[in-house]
N, C-alpha and C. Protein backbone atom coordinates (compact mmCIF):
# COMPACT_ATOMS: atom_id res chain seq x y z
N UNK A 1 -84.21 32.53 53.68
CA UNK A 1 -85.59 32.71 55.02
C UNK A 1 -86.22 31.58 54.39
N UNK A 2 -86.33 30.91 55.43
CA UNK A 2 -87.19 29.25 55.00
C UNK A 2 -88.98 30.09 54.31
N UNK A 3 -89.23 28.64 53.63
CA UNK A 3 -90.37 28.63 52.50
C UNK A 3 -91.54 29.21 54.02
N UNK A 4 -91.86 28.31 55.00
CA UNK A 4 -92.81 28.61 55.98
C UNK A 4 -92.35 29.88 56.33
N UNK A 5 -91.43 30.62 56.45
CA UNK A 5 -91.27 31.94 57.45
C UNK A 5 -91.81 32.86 56.30
N UNK A 6 -91.30 32.52 54.80
CA UNK A 6 -91.98 33.59 53.77
C UNK A 6 -93.31 33.80 53.52
N UNK A 7 -94.01 32.56 54.00
CA UNK A 7 -95.44 32.46 54.41
C UNK A 7 -96.09 32.88 54.86
N UNK A 8 -95.63 33.02 56.17
CA UNK A 8 -95.76 33.68 57.28
C UNK A 8 -95.90 35.83 57.17
N UNK A 9 -95.17 35.90 56.41
CA UNK A 9 -94.16 37.08 56.23
C UNK A 9 -95.14 37.65 55.35
N UNK A 10 -95.85 36.98 53.97
CA UNK A 10 -96.28 37.18 53.10
C UNK A 10 -98.27 37.41 53.41
N UNK A 11 -98.31 36.43 54.32
CA UNK A 11 -99.48 36.00 54.82
C UNK A 11 -100.45 38.04 55.02
N UNK A 12 -100.15 38.97 55.71
CA UNK A 12 -100.60 40.26 56.03
C UNK A 12 -100.97 40.61 54.78
N UNK A 13 -100.40 40.68 54.26
CA UNK A 13 -99.92 41.49 52.16
C UNK A 13 -101.13 41.02 51.41
N UNK A 14 -101.14 39.21 51.36
CA UNK A 14 -102.14 38.45 50.82
C UNK A 14 -103.83 39.25 51.65
N UNK A 15 -103.61 38.81 52.78
CA UNK A 15 -104.99 39.46 52.97
C UNK A 15 -105.64 40.95 52.95
N UNK A 16 -104.80 42.35 52.75
CA UNK A 16 -104.59 43.22 52.78
C UNK A 16 -105.50 43.30 51.15
N UNK A 17 -104.69 42.88 50.28
CA UNK A 17 -105.01 42.59 48.83
C UNK A 17 -106.39 42.17 48.82
N UNK A 18 -106.75 40.95 49.16
CA UNK A 18 -108.02 40.43 49.05
C UNK A 18 -109.06 41.10 49.60
N UNK A 19 -108.80 41.85 51.00
CA UNK A 19 -109.92 42.28 51.75
C UNK A 19 -109.93 43.86 50.43
N UNK A 20 -109.05 44.81 50.15
CA UNK A 20 -109.11 45.93 49.13
C UNK A 20 -109.82 45.01 48.10
N UNK A 21 -109.91 43.95 47.57
CA UNK A 21 -110.48 43.49 46.21
C UNK A 21 -111.68 43.21 46.88
N UNK A 22 -112.16 42.82 47.97
CA UNK A 22 -113.42 42.51 47.74
C UNK A 22 -114.40 43.59 48.22
N UNK A 23 -114.04 44.97 48.27
CA UNK A 23 -114.89 46.29 48.61
C UNK A 23 -114.74 47.00 47.03
N UNK A 24 -114.23 46.23 45.86
CA UNK A 24 -114.14 46.42 44.70
C UNK A 24 -114.66 46.16 43.63
N UNK A 25 -115.55 46.80 42.82
CA UNK A 25 -116.35 46.10 41.72
C UNK A 25 -115.22 45.39 40.99
N UNK A 26 -115.80 44.24 40.67
CA UNK A 26 -114.60 43.18 39.80
C UNK A 26 -113.76 43.07 40.35
N UNK A 27 -112.76 43.34 41.65
CA UNK A 27 -111.92 43.42 42.44
C UNK A 27 -110.93 42.36 42.25
N UNK A 28 -111.57 40.94 42.72
CA UNK A 28 -111.14 40.11 42.83
C UNK A 28 -110.12 39.43 41.92
N UNK A 29 -111.08 39.28 40.62
CA UNK A 29 -110.60 39.18 39.26
C UNK A 29 -109.40 40.21 38.77
N UNK A 30 -109.63 41.56 39.09
CA UNK A 30 -108.37 42.42 38.61
C UNK A 30 -107.43 42.50 40.32
N UNK A 31 -107.46 41.94 41.09
CA UNK A 31 -106.24 42.18 41.98
C UNK A 31 -105.41 40.61 41.26
N UNK A 32 -106.24 39.74 41.07
CA UNK A 32 -105.84 38.40 40.68
C UNK A 32 -104.82 38.71 39.73
N UNK A 33 -105.45 39.12 38.49
CA UNK A 33 -104.49 39.50 37.40
C UNK A 33 -103.56 40.70 37.85
N UNK A 34 -103.93 41.49 38.66
CA UNK A 34 -102.63 42.36 39.01
C UNK A 34 -101.23 40.96 39.72
N UNK A 35 -101.63 40.92 41.06
CA UNK A 35 -100.68 40.13 41.27
C UNK A 35 -99.49 39.08 40.56
N UNK A 36 -101.11 37.96 39.68
CA UNK A 36 -99.90 37.42 38.91
C UNK A 36 -99.53 38.30 38.43
N UNK A 37 -99.19 39.06 37.38
CA UNK A 37 -98.96 39.62 37.25
C UNK A 37 -97.40 40.61 37.80
N UNK A 38 -97.54 41.00 38.55
CA UNK A 38 -96.09 41.22 39.56
C UNK A 38 -95.39 40.20 39.57
N UNK A 39 -95.76 39.05 40.11
CA UNK A 39 -95.29 37.60 40.69
C UNK A 39 -94.15 37.50 39.31
N UNK A 40 -94.75 37.24 38.39
CA UNK A 40 -94.04 36.70 37.08
C UNK A 40 -93.28 37.75 36.71
N UNK A 41 -93.63 39.21 37.06
CA UNK A 41 -92.21 40.66 36.83
C UNK A 41 -91.21 40.17 37.98
N UNK A 42 -91.35 40.04 38.74
CA UNK A 42 -90.53 39.80 40.22
C UNK A 42 -89.24 38.79 40.06
N UNK A 43 -89.96 37.66 39.21
CA UNK A 43 -89.25 36.37 38.78
C UNK A 43 -88.40 36.10 37.70
N UNK A 44 -88.48 37.17 36.91
CA UNK A 44 -87.60 37.51 35.69
C UNK A 44 -86.16 37.73 35.94
N UNK A 45 -85.42 37.22 35.11
CA UNK A 45 -84.00 37.01 35.47
C UNK A 45 -83.70 38.36 35.64
N UNK A 46 -83.80 39.31 34.72
CA UNK A 46 -83.71 41.26 34.34
C UNK A 46 -83.91 41.64 35.69
N UNK A 47 -85.09 41.62 36.13
CA UNK A 47 -86.22 42.55 37.20
C UNK A 47 -85.34 42.00 38.06
N UNK A 48 -85.11 40.65 39.00
CA UNK A 48 -84.14 39.72 39.79
C UNK A 48 -82.81 41.33 39.96
N UNK A 49 -82.27 40.75 38.82
CA UNK A 49 -81.05 41.57 38.83
C UNK A 49 -80.77 43.25 39.21
N UNK A 50 -82.14 43.38 38.77
CA UNK A 50 -82.39 45.38 38.96
C UNK A 50 -82.49 45.41 39.93
N UNK A 51 -83.21 44.48 41.08
CA UNK A 51 -84.05 44.98 42.42
C UNK A 51 -82.47 44.71 43.63
N UNK A 52 -81.79 43.94 43.38
CA UNK A 52 -80.58 43.61 44.01
C UNK A 52 -79.45 44.28 43.76
N UNK A 53 -80.09 45.33 43.30
CA UNK A 53 -78.63 46.40 43.08
C UNK A 53 -78.82 47.50 44.32
N UNK A 54 -78.39 47.03 44.61
CA UNK A 54 -77.64 47.94 46.21
C UNK A 54 -77.81 49.47 45.90
N UNK A 55 -77.69 49.91 45.32
CA UNK A 55 -77.57 51.34 44.50
C UNK A 55 -79.20 51.95 44.82
N UNK A 56 -80.14 51.18 44.61
CA UNK A 56 -81.57 51.63 44.38
C UNK A 56 -82.18 51.50 46.08
N UNK A 57 -82.49 52.84 45.86
CA UNK A 57 -83.47 53.01 47.28
C UNK A 57 -84.87 52.59 46.93
N UNK A 58 -85.94 52.18 48.24
CA UNK A 58 -86.68 52.07 48.13
C UNK A 58 -87.94 52.26 46.99
N UNK A 59 -87.54 53.30 47.31
CA UNK A 59 -88.57 54.57 46.31
C UNK A 59 -88.75 53.76 44.58
N UNK A 60 -86.67 53.57 44.76
CA UNK A 60 -86.40 53.21 42.90
C UNK A 60 -86.89 51.75 43.12
N UNK A 61 -86.87 51.11 43.66
CA UNK A 61 -87.44 49.45 43.54
C UNK A 61 -88.93 49.30 43.12
N UNK A 62 -89.78 50.95 43.77
CA UNK A 62 -91.19 50.31 43.77
C UNK A 62 -91.19 51.14 42.20
N UNK A 63 -90.55 52.17 41.89
CA UNK A 63 -90.74 52.68 40.68
C UNK A 63 -90.33 51.91 39.41
N UNK A 64 -88.97 51.00 39.68
CA UNK A 64 -88.64 50.27 38.57
C UNK A 64 -90.18 49.24 38.71
N UNK A 65 -90.40 48.56 39.55
CA UNK A 65 -91.77 47.47 39.24
C UNK A 65 -93.08 48.31 38.46
N UNK A 66 -93.17 49.27 38.94
CA UNK A 66 -94.02 50.47 38.32
C UNK A 66 -94.09 50.41 36.79
N UNK A 67 -92.82 51.03 36.53
CA UNK A 67 -92.40 51.13 35.00
C UNK A 67 -92.44 50.11 34.39
N UNK A 68 -92.46 49.14 34.67
CA UNK A 68 -92.26 47.68 33.97
C UNK A 68 -93.43 47.30 33.87
N UNK A 69 -94.55 47.43 34.55
CA UNK A 69 -95.77 46.97 34.13
C UNK A 69 -96.66 47.85 34.01
N UNK A 70 -96.07 49.15 34.02
CA UNK A 70 -97.04 50.46 33.04
C UNK A 70 -98.82 49.94 33.60
N UNK A 71 -99.59 49.69 32.14
CA UNK A 71 -100.87 50.40 32.53
C UNK A 71 -101.26 48.68 33.20
N UNK A 72 -100.95 47.82 33.53
CA UNK A 72 -101.11 46.74 34.05
C UNK A 72 -101.69 46.87 35.68
N UNK A 73 -101.42 47.65 36.00
CA UNK A 73 -101.63 48.14 37.79
C UNK A 73 -102.21 49.01 37.89
N UNK A 74 -103.88 49.12 38.97
CA UNK A 74 -104.35 50.29 38.94
C UNK A 74 -103.49 51.10 40.31
N UNK A 75 -103.86 52.19 40.35
CA UNK A 75 -103.59 53.12 41.25
C UNK A 75 -103.48 52.37 42.73
N UNK A 76 -104.45 51.98 43.33
CA UNK A 76 -104.11 50.88 44.28
C UNK A 76 -103.22 50.03 44.54
N UNK A 77 -102.85 49.09 42.92
CA UNK A 77 -101.87 48.36 43.10
C UNK A 77 -100.68 49.11 42.81
N UNK A 78 -100.44 50.47 42.46
CA UNK A 78 -99.67 51.27 42.43
C UNK A 78 -98.71 51.06 44.01
N UNK A 79 -99.68 51.43 45.08
CA UNK A 79 -99.78 51.95 46.01
C UNK A 79 -99.16 50.77 47.08
N UNK A 80 -100.03 49.44 46.96
CA UNK A 80 -99.74 47.76 47.53
C UNK A 80 -97.89 47.92 46.86
N UNK A 81 -97.21 48.10 45.54
CA UNK A 81 -96.24 48.31 45.68
C UNK A 81 -95.69 49.35 46.33
N UNK A 82 -95.95 50.30 46.43
CA UNK A 82 -95.04 51.49 47.36
C UNK A 82 -94.71 50.68 48.60
N UNK A 83 -96.00 50.10 49.13
CA UNK A 83 -96.33 49.74 50.62
C UNK A 83 -94.89 48.61 50.77
N UNK A 84 -95.09 47.44 49.74
CA UNK A 84 -94.10 46.69 49.79
C UNK A 84 -92.54 47.03 49.46
N UNK A 85 -91.99 47.89 48.95
CA UNK A 85 -91.00 48.32 48.88
C UNK A 85 -90.50 48.95 49.86
N UNK A 86 -91.47 49.87 50.72
CA UNK A 86 -90.99 50.37 51.70
C UNK A 86 -90.54 49.40 52.83
N UNK A 87 -91.76 48.55 53.22
CA UNK A 87 -90.86 47.27 53.79
C UNK A 87 -89.65 45.94 53.43
N UNK A 88 -89.23 46.54 51.99
CA UNK A 88 -88.08 45.75 51.86
C UNK A 88 -88.81 44.07 51.63
N UNK A 89 -90.63 44.88 51.28
CA UNK A 89 -90.67 42.89 50.40
C UNK A 89 -91.23 42.85 49.54
N UNK A 90 -91.16 43.97 48.55
CA UNK A 90 -90.87 43.08 46.87
C UNK A 90 -90.73 41.45 46.65
N UNK A 91 -89.84 41.71 47.17
CA UNK A 91 -89.41 39.72 46.39
C UNK A 91 -90.65 39.00 46.88
N UNK A 92 -91.37 39.14 47.86
CA UNK A 92 -92.72 38.14 48.35
C UNK A 92 -93.67 38.09 47.54
N UNK A 93 -93.67 38.80 46.10
CA UNK A 93 -95.04 38.97 45.97
C UNK A 93 -95.35 37.87 44.59
N UNK A 94 -94.16 36.64 44.84
CA UNK A 94 -95.07 35.37 44.05
C UNK A 94 -95.93 34.33 45.42
N UNK A 95 -95.08 34.49 46.71
CA UNK A 95 -95.97 34.40 47.64
C UNK A 95 -97.46 34.71 48.01
N UNK A 96 -97.09 35.74 47.84
CA UNK A 96 -98.40 36.87 48.44
C UNK A 96 -99.82 36.86 46.98
N UNK A 97 -98.84 36.11 45.72
CA UNK A 97 -100.04 36.43 44.81
C UNK A 97 -100.64 34.79 45.10
N UNK A 98 -99.61 33.99 45.36
CA UNK A 98 -99.69 32.42 45.61
C UNK A 98 -101.09 32.25 47.00
N UNK A 99 -100.88 33.36 48.22
CA UNK A 99 -102.21 33.17 49.28
C UNK A 99 -103.00 33.92 48.73
N UNK A 100 -102.92 34.75 48.20
CA UNK A 100 -104.11 35.44 47.50
C UNK A 100 -104.69 34.51 47.20
N UNK A 101 -105.03 33.79 46.04
CA UNK A 101 -105.48 32.88 44.94
C UNK A 101 -105.96 31.79 45.99
N UNK A 102 -105.54 31.12 47.21
CA UNK A 102 -106.28 30.71 47.86
C UNK A 102 -107.15 31.21 48.61
N UNK A 103 -107.18 32.54 49.25
CA UNK A 103 -108.39 33.42 49.89
C UNK A 103 -109.14 33.34 48.88
N UNK A 104 -108.82 33.95 47.27
CA UNK A 104 -109.86 33.87 46.79
C UNK A 104 -110.88 32.61 46.05
N UNK A 105 -110.35 31.63 45.87
CA UNK A 105 -110.41 30.23 45.85
C UNK A 105 -111.60 30.22 47.13
N UNK A 106 -111.38 30.14 48.60
CA UNK A 106 -111.85 30.04 49.26
C UNK A 106 -113.09 30.44 49.48
N UNK A 107 -112.75 32.08 49.01
CA UNK A 107 -114.02 32.46 48.90
C UNK A 107 -114.91 32.43 47.49
N UNK A 108 -114.85 31.93 46.74
CA UNK A 108 -115.37 31.29 45.74
C UNK A 108 -115.99 29.75 45.54
N UNK A 109 -115.26 29.38 46.36
CA UNK A 109 -115.54 27.74 47.24
C UNK A 109 -115.62 26.99 45.63
N UNK A 110 -114.08 27.26 45.15
CA UNK A 110 -113.69 26.80 43.84
C UNK A 110 -112.05 26.02 44.78
N UNK A 111 -111.82 24.69 43.65
CA UNK A 111 -110.37 24.13 44.41
C UNK A 111 -109.60 24.42 42.60
N UNK A 112 -108.50 24.55 42.73
CA UNK A 112 -107.76 23.87 41.14
C UNK A 112 -107.02 22.61 41.85
N UNK A 113 -107.34 21.83 40.80
CA UNK A 113 -106.94 20.59 41.02
C UNK A 113 -106.19 19.94 39.81
N UNK A 114 -104.66 19.47 39.94
CA UNK A 114 -103.80 19.20 38.70
C UNK A 114 -103.68 17.60 38.95
N UNK A 115 -103.79 16.89 37.63
CA UNK A 115 -103.95 15.55 38.11
C UNK A 115 -102.66 15.11 36.96
N UNK A 116 -101.59 14.67 37.32
CA UNK A 116 -100.25 14.07 36.24
C UNK A 116 -100.30 12.70 36.30
N UNK A 117 -100.44 12.33 35.09
CA UNK A 117 -101.08 10.81 34.59
C UNK A 117 -99.90 10.71 33.61
N UNK A 118 -99.53 9.35 33.52
CA UNK A 118 -98.47 8.27 32.61
C UNK A 118 -99.29 8.15 30.93
N UNK A 119 -100.45 8.49 31.12
CA UNK A 119 -101.01 8.46 30.43
C UNK A 119 -101.81 9.45 29.82
N UNK A 120 -102.67 10.12 28.84
CA UNK A 120 -104.01 10.44 28.62
C UNK A 120 -105.22 9.99 29.46
N UNK A 121 -105.99 11.22 30.14
CA UNK A 121 -106.77 10.84 30.87
C UNK A 121 -107.97 11.85 30.00
N UNK A 122 -109.40 10.62 29.51
CA UNK A 122 -110.04 10.88 29.26
C UNK A 122 -110.87 11.74 29.05
N UNK A 123 -111.92 12.19 28.49
CA UNK A 123 -112.94 13.52 29.31
C UNK A 123 -114.34 12.83 30.03
N UNK A 124 -114.23 11.40 29.77
CA UNK A 124 -115.34 10.95 30.56
C UNK A 124 -114.52 10.74 32.42
N UNK A 125 -113.52 9.98 31.93
CA UNK A 125 -112.53 10.04 33.37
C UNK A 125 -112.48 11.61 34.15
N UNK A 126 -111.89 12.14 33.21
CA UNK A 126 -111.78 13.52 34.34
C UNK A 126 -113.10 14.02 34.78
N UNK A 127 -114.20 14.25 33.88
CA UNK A 127 -115.17 14.23 34.51
C UNK A 127 -116.13 13.81 35.59
N UNK A 128 -115.65 12.26 35.57
CA UNK A 128 -116.26 11.23 37.07
C UNK A 128 -115.51 11.86 37.78
N UNK A 129 -113.98 11.93 37.92
CA UNK A 129 -113.12 12.56 38.77
C UNK A 129 -113.59 13.97 39.64
N UNK A 130 -113.74 14.81 38.92
CA UNK A 130 -114.61 16.36 39.10
C UNK A 130 -115.54 16.41 39.97
N UNK A 131 -116.30 15.34 39.23
CA UNK A 131 -117.44 15.35 40.19
C UNK A 131 -117.63 14.66 41.57
N UNK A 132 -116.67 13.61 41.64
CA UNK A 132 -116.16 12.96 42.63
C UNK A 132 -115.77 13.74 43.68
N UNK A 133 -114.66 14.56 43.30
CA UNK A 133 -114.26 15.46 44.20
C UNK A 133 -115.04 17.14 44.59
N UNK A 134 -115.37 17.29 43.62
CA UNK A 134 -117.08 18.54 43.90
C UNK A 134 -118.00 17.91 45.27
N UNK A 135 -118.23 16.57 44.88
CA UNK A 135 -119.15 16.08 46.54
C UNK A 135 -118.25 16.06 47.26
N UNK A 136 -117.20 15.68 47.78
CA UNK A 136 -116.23 15.29 48.79
C UNK A 136 -115.83 16.69 49.59
N UNK A 137 -115.42 17.38 48.26
CA UNK A 137 -115.11 18.84 49.27
C UNK A 137 -115.86 19.86 49.01
N UNK A 138 -117.01 20.00 48.65
CA UNK A 138 -117.88 20.21 48.18
C UNK A 138 -117.58 21.86 47.88
N UNK A 139 -116.93 22.07 46.51
CA UNK A 139 -116.39 23.26 46.05
C UNK A 139 -116.44 22.64 44.44
N UNK A 140 -116.33 23.74 43.74
CA UNK A 140 -116.47 23.59 42.03
C UNK A 140 -115.04 23.32 42.05
N UNK A 141 -114.80 22.40 40.90
CA UNK A 141 -113.43 22.27 40.90
C UNK A 141 -113.13 22.32 39.59
N UNK A 142 -111.90 23.18 39.36
CA UNK A 142 -111.03 23.28 38.30
C UNK A 142 -110.21 22.10 37.84
N UNK A 143 -109.95 21.45 37.22
CA UNK A 143 -109.27 20.26 36.67
C UNK A 143 -108.49 20.43 35.65
N UNK A 144 -106.98 20.69 35.52
CA UNK A 144 -106.15 20.40 34.29
C UNK A 144 -105.65 18.96 34.94
N UNK A 145 -105.16 19.22 33.47
CA UNK A 145 -104.54 17.52 33.41
C UNK A 145 -102.90 17.44 32.54
N UNK A 146 -101.91 16.64 33.29
CA UNK A 146 -100.84 17.07 32.11
C UNK A 146 -100.42 15.42 32.07
N UNK A 147 -99.41 15.04 31.10
CA UNK A 147 -98.70 13.59 30.85
C UNK A 147 -97.56 13.64 31.29
N UNK A 148 -96.90 12.49 32.21
CA UNK A 148 -95.82 12.72 32.56
C UNK A 148 -95.36 11.02 32.29
N UNK A 149 -94.84 10.49 31.24
CA UNK A 149 -94.58 9.48 30.77
C UNK A 149 -94.01 8.68 31.96
N UNK A 150 -92.94 9.50 32.46
CA UNK A 150 -91.84 8.89 32.93
C UNK A 150 -92.39 8.36 34.72
N UNK A 151 -93.99 8.33 34.77
CA UNK A 151 -94.51 8.13 36.30
C UNK A 151 -94.76 6.22 35.57
N UNK A 152 -94.13 6.15 34.67
CA UNK A 152 -95.00 4.90 34.22
C UNK A 152 -96.67 4.09 34.10
N UNK A 153 -97.06 4.61 35.09
CA UNK A 153 -97.86 4.19 35.36
C UNK A 153 -98.97 4.76 36.71
N UNK A 154 -100.23 5.07 36.51
CA UNK A 154 -100.71 5.43 37.61
C UNK A 154 -101.06 7.21 37.78
N UNK A 155 -101.59 8.00 38.82
CA UNK A 155 -101.75 9.27 38.92
C UNK A 155 -100.99 9.83 39.91
N UNK A 156 -100.40 11.38 39.71
CA UNK A 156 -100.37 12.18 41.06
C UNK A 156 -101.37 13.15 40.92
N UNK A 157 -102.10 13.47 41.99
CA UNK A 157 -102.95 14.48 42.32
C UNK A 157 -102.38 15.49 43.40
N UNK A 158 -102.71 17.00 42.67
CA UNK A 158 -102.41 17.86 43.62
C UNK A 158 -103.47 19.04 43.42
N UNK A 159 -103.31 19.60 44.81
CA UNK A 159 -104.51 20.89 44.92
C UNK A 159 -103.95 21.34 46.43
N UNK A 160 -103.66 22.61 46.20
CA UNK A 160 -102.91 23.68 47.17
C UNK A 160 -101.91 22.95 47.76
N UNK A 161 -102.74 22.39 49.56
CA UNK A 161 -101.28 21.95 50.05
C UNK A 161 -101.04 20.54 50.21
N UNK A 162 -102.13 19.85 49.32
CA UNK A 162 -102.04 18.46 49.56
C UNK A 162 -101.61 17.57 48.16
N UNK A 163 -100.52 16.45 48.03
CA UNK A 163 -100.10 16.19 46.75
C UNK A 163 -100.53 14.38 47.16
N UNK A 164 -100.89 13.69 46.59
CA UNK A 164 -101.19 12.21 46.01
C UNK A 164 -100.34 11.48 45.38
N UNK A 165 -99.59 10.56 45.93
CA UNK A 165 -98.77 10.21 44.71
C UNK A 165 -99.19 8.27 44.54
N UNK A 166 -99.74 8.01 43.78
CA UNK A 166 -100.95 7.32 43.23
C UNK A 166 -100.15 6.54 42.38
N UNK A 167 -98.69 6.85 41.57
CA UNK A 167 -97.94 6.61 40.76
C UNK A 167 -97.11 5.28 41.17
N UNK A 168 -96.72 4.67 40.01
CA UNK A 168 -95.40 3.38 39.64
C UNK A 168 -94.31 3.84 40.34
N UNK A 169 -93.68 5.18 39.79
CA UNK A 169 -92.34 5.55 39.64
C UNK A 169 -92.83 5.92 41.62
N UNK A 170 -93.69 6.49 42.20
CA UNK A 170 -94.08 7.26 43.59
C UNK A 170 -93.48 5.90 44.48
N UNK A 171 -94.16 4.69 43.75
CA UNK A 171 -94.30 3.79 44.54
C UNK A 171 -92.65 2.79 44.81
N UNK A 172 -92.27 3.11 43.51
CA UNK A 172 -91.03 2.39 43.43
C UNK A 172 -90.19 2.92 44.60
N UNK A 173 -90.14 4.60 44.38
CA UNK A 173 -89.24 5.63 44.84
C UNK A 173 -89.26 4.81 46.43
N UNK A 174 -90.44 4.45 46.89
CA UNK A 174 -90.74 4.68 48.40
C UNK A 174 -90.22 2.95 48.82
N UNK A 175 -90.28 1.70 48.09
CA UNK A 175 -89.79 0.61 47.90
C UNK A 175 -88.20 1.25 47.91
N UNK A 176 -87.66 1.81 47.02
CA UNK A 176 -86.72 1.74 47.36
C UNK A 176 -85.45 2.48 48.99
N UNK A 177 -86.56 3.33 49.24
CA UNK A 177 -86.02 4.27 50.63
C UNK A 177 -86.37 3.06 51.18
N UNK A 178 -87.67 2.26 51.85
CA UNK A 178 -87.57 1.32 53.01
C UNK A 178 -86.12 0.39 52.37
N UNK A 179 -85.83 -0.16 51.55
CA UNK A 179 -84.74 -1.21 51.46
C UNK A 179 -83.37 -0.85 51.56
N UNK A 180 -83.19 1.25 51.79
CA UNK A 180 -81.49 1.36 51.23
C UNK A 180 -81.81 1.60 53.26
């Protein structure tokens, strides 16, 4: 299934989890944690192999995931897993978790921004960038930085569905494509 189709199929489940979370005390963070753990679990090779077993029923799949996570899930989290299993959607958990986090960030007026730079970005530059993004986006900015020396120079800025590649490596790749 194409990525856009996965997103389309996963969206109603993410919305349902978000709606449930809004109705609970500390629900947003609890569901965020549960979905994150669920997504990580189903991406583990051992769990993937077990879930791909054609002999497993949907009840067995749900039971397997719930047993693996033990106390990490609330009763409603277990019910969510059962519903996903009933419709053969457990494999969508990573996409559901990602869509949930976007809804949560929109609700909380926050945004995750990842800066990848060829060199270490100092605290003053991080604060200046964070302030500029906060003013432009009208949201609280959670900024994380990583160093990738293969960029040669410049930065790559990633947030939700936007990537700004202002690296020397990116510019060289574009030039190479134009020349070919």
